C-alpha atoms as a PDB file:
ATOM      1  CA  MET A   1       0.025   0.145  -0.079  1.00  0.00           C
ATOM      2  CA  ASN A   2       1.498   3.625  -0.487  1.00  0.00           C
ATOM      3  CA  ASP A   3       1.369   6.270   2.055  1.00  0.00           C
ATOM      4  CA  THR A   4      -2.361   7.563   1.557  1.00  0.00           C
ATOM      5  CA  THR A   5      -4.952   6.379   3.817  1.00  0.00           C
ATOM      6  CA  PRO A   6      -7.342   4.196   2.029  1.00  0.00           C
ATOM      7  CA  GLN A   7     -11.031   5.340   2.095  1.00  0.00           C
ATOM      8  CA  VAL A   8     -14.264   3.089   1.535  1.00  0.00           C
ATOM      9  CA  VAL A   9     -17.574   3.927   1.092  1.00  0.00           C
ATOM     10  CA  PHE A  10     -20.526   1.983   1.971  1.00  0.00           C
ATOM     11  CA  ALA A  11     -23.522   2.523   0.551  1.00  0.00           C
ATOM     12  CA  CYS A  12     -27.165   1.287   1.230  1.00  0.00           C
ATOM     13  CA  ARG A  13     -30.766   2.187   0.185  1.00  0.00           C
ATOM     14  CA  LYS A  14     -31.734   4.731   3.445  1.00  0.00           C
ATOM     15  CA  ASN A  15     -28.267   4.857   5.113  1.00  0.00           C
ATOM     16  CA  GLY A  16     -29.700   4.209   8.649  1.00  0.00           C
ATOM     17  CA  GLY A  17     -28.733   0.533   8.866  1.00  0.00           C
ATOM     18  CA  ARG A  18     -26.110  -1.701   7.128  1.00  0.00           C
ATOM     19  CA  SER A  19     -24.192   1.151   6.053  1.00  0.00           C
ATOM     20  CA  VAL A  20     -23.903   2.792   9.133  1.00  0.00           C
ATOM     21  CA  ILE A  21     -23.047  -0.483  11.384  1.00  0.00           C
ATOM     22  CA  SER A  22     -20.029  -0.648   8.532  1.00  0.00           C
ATOM     23  CA  ARG A  23     -18.792   2.432   9.634  1.00  0.00           C
ATOM     24  CA  LEU A  24     -18.997   2.679  12.691  1.00  0.00           C
ATOM     25  CA  LEU A  25     -17.382  -1.259  12.639  1.00  0.00           C
ATOM     26  CA  THR A  26     -14.495   0.085  10.814  1.00  0.00           C
ATOM     27  CA  GLU A  27     -13.998   3.186  12.578  1.00  0.00           C
ATOM     28  CA  HIS A  28     -13.591   1.314  15.723  1.00  0.00           C
ATOM     29  CA  TYR A  29     -11.544  -1.333  14.542  1.00  0.00           C
ATOM     30  CA  ALA A  30      -9.173   0.590  12.160  1.00  0.00           C
ATOM     31  CA  GLY A  31      -8.983   3.814  13.762  1.00  0.00           C
ATOM     32  CA  ASP A  32      -7.595   6.785  11.228  1.00  0.00           C
ATOM     33  CA  ALA A  33      -5.807   4.428   9.399  1.00  0.00           C
ATOM     34  CA  ILE A  34      -8.778   4.085   6.919  1.00  0.00           C
ATOM     35  CA  THR A  35     -11.320   6.536   5.996  1.00  0.00           C
ATOM     36  CA  ALA A  36     -14.824   5.145   6.443  1.00  0.00           C
ATOM     37  CA  LEU A  37     -18.216   6.803   5.057  1.00  0.00           C
ATOM     38  CA  SER A  38     -21.437   5.754   4.606  1.00  0.00           C
ATOM     39  CA  ALA A  39     -24.192   7.032   2.196  1.00  0.00           C
ATOM     40  CA  GLY A  40     -27.453   6.196   0.781  1.00  0.00           C
ATOM     41  CA  THR A  41     -29.306   6.350  -2.450  1.00  0.00           C
ATOM     42  CA  GLU A  42     -32.379   7.414  -1.029  1.00  0.00           C
ATOM     43  CA  PRO A  43     -31.559   8.597   2.343  1.00  0.00           C
ATOM     44  CA  GLY A  44     -34.207   8.221   5.449  1.00  0.00           C
ATOM     45  CA  ASP A  45     -34.683  10.886   8.611  1.00  0.00           C
ATOM     46  CA  HIS A  46     -32.872   8.952  10.769  1.00  0.00           C
ATOM     47  CA  ILE A  47     -30.867   5.696  11.937  1.00  0.00           C
ATOM     48  CA  HIS A  48     -32.936   2.764  12.302  1.00  0.00           C
ATOM     49  CA  PRO A  49     -34.023   2.312  15.793  1.00  0.00           C
ATOM     50  CA  GLU A  50     -33.369  -1.112  16.798  1.00  0.00           C
ATOM     51  CA  VAL A  51     -30.088  -0.672  15.194  1.00  0.00           C
ATOM     52  CA  ALA A  52     -29.200   2.268  17.314  1.00  0.00           C
ATOM     53  CA  ARG A  53     -30.114   0.169  20.227  1.00  0.00           C
ATOM     54  CA  VAL A  54     -28.087  -2.706  19.375  1.00  0.00           C
ATOM     55  CA  LEU A  55     -24.886  -1.109  18.599  1.00  0.00           C
ATOM     56  CA  GLU A  56     -24.996   1.536  21.503  1.00  0.00           C
ATOM     57  CA  GLU A  57     -25.449  -1.932  23.778  1.00  0.00           C
ATOM     58  CA  LEU A  58     -22.169  -2.918  21.996  1.00  0.00           C
ATOM     59  CA  GLY A  59     -20.396   0.236  22.621  1.00  0.00           C
ATOM     60  CA  LEU A  60     -20.506   2.200  19.475  1.00  0.00           C
ATOM     61  CA  ASP A  61     -21.681   5.664  19.416  1.00  0.00           C
ATOM     62  CA  THR A  62     -24.872   6.458  16.897  1.00  0.00           C
ATOM     63  CA  SER A  63     -25.519   9.873  18.733  1.00  0.00           C
ATOM     64  CA  ARG A  64     -24.025  12.004  15.837  1.00  0.00           C
ATOM     65  CA  GLU A  65     -25.320   9.234  13.015  1.00  0.00           C
ATOM     66  CA  THR A  66     -27.476  11.150  10.355  1.00  0.00           C
ATOM     67  CA  PRO A  67     -28.547   9.621   6.903  1.00  0.00           C
ATOM     68  CA  LYS A  68     -26.225  11.530   4.053  1.00  0.00           C
ATOM     69  CA  ALA A  69     -26.817  11.002  -0.143  1.00  0.00           C
ATOM     70  CA  LEU A  70     -24.350   8.976  -1.829  1.00  0.00           C
ATOM     71  CA  THR A  71     -22.793  10.954  -4.432  1.00  0.00           C
ATOM     72  CA  ARG A  72     -20.986   9.802  -7.587  1.00  0.00           C
ATOM     73  CA  ASP A  73     -17.957  12.505  -6.065  1.00  0.00           C
ATOM     74  CA  MET A  74     -18.114  10.500  -2.807  1.00  0.00           C
ATOM     75  CA  ILE A  75     -17.689   7.457  -4.520  1.00  0.00           C
ATOM     76  CA  ALA A  76     -15.084   8.978  -6.788  1.00  0.00           C
ATOM     77  CA  ALA A  77     -13.058  10.301  -3.875  1.00  0.00           C
ATOM     78  CA  SER A  78     -12.560   6.469  -2.678  1.00  0.00           C
ATOM     79  CA  ASP A  79     -10.420   3.202  -3.386  1.00  0.00           C
ATOM     80  CA  MET A  80     -13.810   0.929  -2.590  1.00  0.00           C
ATOM     81  CA  ALA A  81     -17.280   1.080  -2.881  1.00  0.00           C
ATOM     82  CA  ILE A  82     -19.097  -1.576  -0.750  1.00  0.00           C
ATOM     83  CA  THR A  83     -22.981  -1.707  -1.674  1.00  0.00           C
ATOM     84  CA  LEU A  84     -25.538  -3.472   0.810  1.00  0.00           C
ATOM     85  CA  GLY A  85     -28.581  -3.580  -1.019  1.00  0.00           C
ATOM     86  CA  CYS A  86     -28.792  -0.629  -3.134  1.00  0.00           C
ATOM     87  CA  GLY A  87     -28.791  -2.831  -6.237  1.00  0.00           C
ATOM     88  CA  GLU A  88     -28.341  -0.890  -9.700  1.00  0.00           C
ATOM     89  CA  GLU A  89     -29.099   2.438  -7.720  1.00  0.00           C
ATOM     90  CA  CYS A  90     -25.605   3.098  -6.847  1.00  0.00           C
ATOM     91  CA  PRO A  91     -23.681   5.102  -9.208  1.00  0.00           C
ATOM     92  CA  TYR A  92     -20.696   3.227 -11.176  1.00  0.00           C
ATOM     93  CA  VAL A  93     -17.395   5.300 -11.457  1.00  0.00           C
ATOM     94  CA  PRO A  94     -14.673   3.326 -13.556  1.00  0.00           C
ATOM     95  CA  GLY A  95     -11.350   2.734 -11.340  1.00  0.00           C
ATOM     96  CA  VAL A  96     -13.107   2.073  -8.438  1.00  0.00           C
ATOM     97  CA  ARG A  97     -13.357  -1.120  -6.574  1.00  0.00           C
ATOM     98  CA  TYR A  98     -17.154  -2.328  -5.687  1.00  0.00           C
ATOM     99  CA  VAL A  99     -17.513  -5.225  -3.605  1.00  0.00           C
ATOM    100  CA  ASP A 100     -21.118  -5.732  -2.693  1.00  0.00           C
ATOM    101  CA  TRP A 101     -21.967  -7.612   0.545  1.00  0.00           C
ATOM    102  CA  PRO A 102     -25.593  -9.106   0.130  1.00  0.00           C
ATOM    103  CA  VAL A 103     -26.479  -8.719   3.851  1.00  0.00           C
ATOM    104  CA  GLU A 104     -30.340  -9.069   5.353  1.00  0.00           C
ATOM    105  CA  ASP A 105     -31.696  -5.138   5.967  1.00  0.00           C
ATOM    106  CA  PRO A 106     -32.033  -4.565   9.756  1.00  0.00           C
ATOM    107  CA  LYS A 107     -34.460  -2.477   9.087  1.00  0.00           C
ATOM    108  CA  GLY A 108     -37.772  -3.450  11.678  1.00  0.00           C
ATOM    109  CA  GLN A 109     -36.387  -6.433  12.927  1.00  0.00           C
ATOM    110  CA  ASP A 110     -36.067  -7.959  16.328  1.00  0.00           C
ATOM    111  CA  ASP A 111     -32.950  -7.643  18.402  1.00  0.00           C
ATOM    112  CA  ALA A 112     -31.668 -11.035  18.054  1.00  0.00           C
ATOM    113  CA  THR A 113     -31.801 -10.376  14.109  1.00  0.00           C
ATOM    114  CA  VAL A 114     -30.033  -7.099  14.397  1.00  0.00           C
ATOM    115  CA  ARG A 115     -27.134  -8.554  16.343  1.00  0.00           C
ATOM    116  CA  ARG A 116     -26.973 -11.466  13.659  1.00  0.00           C
ATOM    117  CA  ILE A 117     -26.527  -9.016  11.213  1.00  0.00           C
ATOM    118  CA  VAL A 118     -23.739  -7.194  12.927  1.00  0.00           C
ATOM    119  CA  ALA A 119     -22.267 -10.107  13.738  1.00  0.00           C
ATOM    120  CA  ASP A 120     -21.967 -10.698   9.929  1.00  0.00           C
ATOM    121  CA  LEU A 121     -20.731  -7.489   9.518  1.00  0.00           C
ATOM    122  CA  ASP A 122     -18.411  -7.802  11.987  1.00  0.00           C
ATOM    123  CA  GLU A 123     -16.784 -10.557  10.356  1.00  0.00           C
ATOM    124  CA  ARG A 124     -17.094  -9.066   7.005  1.00  0.00           C
ATOM    125  CA  VAL A 125     -15.373  -5.485   8.386  1.00  0.00           C
ATOM    126  CA  ARG A 126     -12.515  -7.258  10.618  1.00  0.00           C
ATOM    127  CA  GLY A 127     -11.482  -9.488   6.991  1.00  0.00           C
ATOM    128  CA  LEU A 128     -11.473  -5.770   5.329  1.00  0.00           C
ATOM    129  CA  VAL A 129      -9.593  -4.093   7.670  1.00  0.00           C
ATOM    130  CA  ALA A 130      -7.160  -6.737   7.908  1.00  0.00           C
ATOM    131  CA  GLU A 131      -6.614  -6.862   4.183  1.00  0.00           C
ATOM    132  CA  LEU A 132      -6.505  -2.742   3.695  1.00  0.00           C
ATOM    133  CA  THR A 133      -4.482  -2.178   7.013  1.00  0.00           C
ATOM    134  CA  PRO A 134      -1.475  -5.921   6.612  1.00  0.00           C
ATOM    135  CA  GLY A 135      -0.228  -6.183   9.559  1.00  0.00           C
ATOM    136  CA  ARG A 136      -2.510  -4.438  12.086  1.00  0.00           C
ATOM    137  CA  ALA A 137      -3.142  -5.975  15.168  1.00  0.00           C
ATOM    138  CA  LEU A 138      -7.192  -5.779  15.633  1.00  0.00           C
ATOM    139  CA  PRO A 139      -8.579  -5.215  18.725  1.00  0.00           C
ATOM    140  CA  PRO A 140     -11.295  -8.526  19.858  1.00  0.00           C
ATOM    141  CA  SER A 141     -14.494  -7.863  18.531  1.00  0.00           C
ATOM    142  CA  VAL A 142     -17.363  -6.109  19.643  1.00  0.00           C
ATOM    143  CA  LEU A 143     -19.162  -9.178  20.228  1.00  0.00           C
ATOM    144  CA  THR A 144     -17.264 -10.861  22.768  1.00  0.00           C
ATOM    145  CA  ALA A 145     -17.155  -7.737  24.892  1.00  0.00           C
ATOM    146  CA  ALA A 146     -20.881  -7.241  25.098  1.00  0.00           C
END
């Protein structure tokens, strides 16, 4: 890797669940070694309350989270775009690596289901951080601390 910090944008529809979970987990594990953004193709008014509740229980602060619109410029400024259910709505920018994570939508789900979705994303994010920051020691999973 070069001397620049990799930037990843996590994109979903409402920017209230999967993309927020992924960004907060990336920030937790990578610190400032990766710039993580999240946005939605049809951003909602707030993050899903069931997602906020579960993330707060795991020690991840959601108090400053507000859904943002996904822009072509946001993707173009990133090294990687990870899509989580935004399908054909995500703008394509040549030269950016796209990866699709087929993860269930946590909106409206019970806490146990949301925790299972967080566990899926936790595993994916830990792998992403290991890939983008080789040699970095990862802290224990937020799921083992809860």
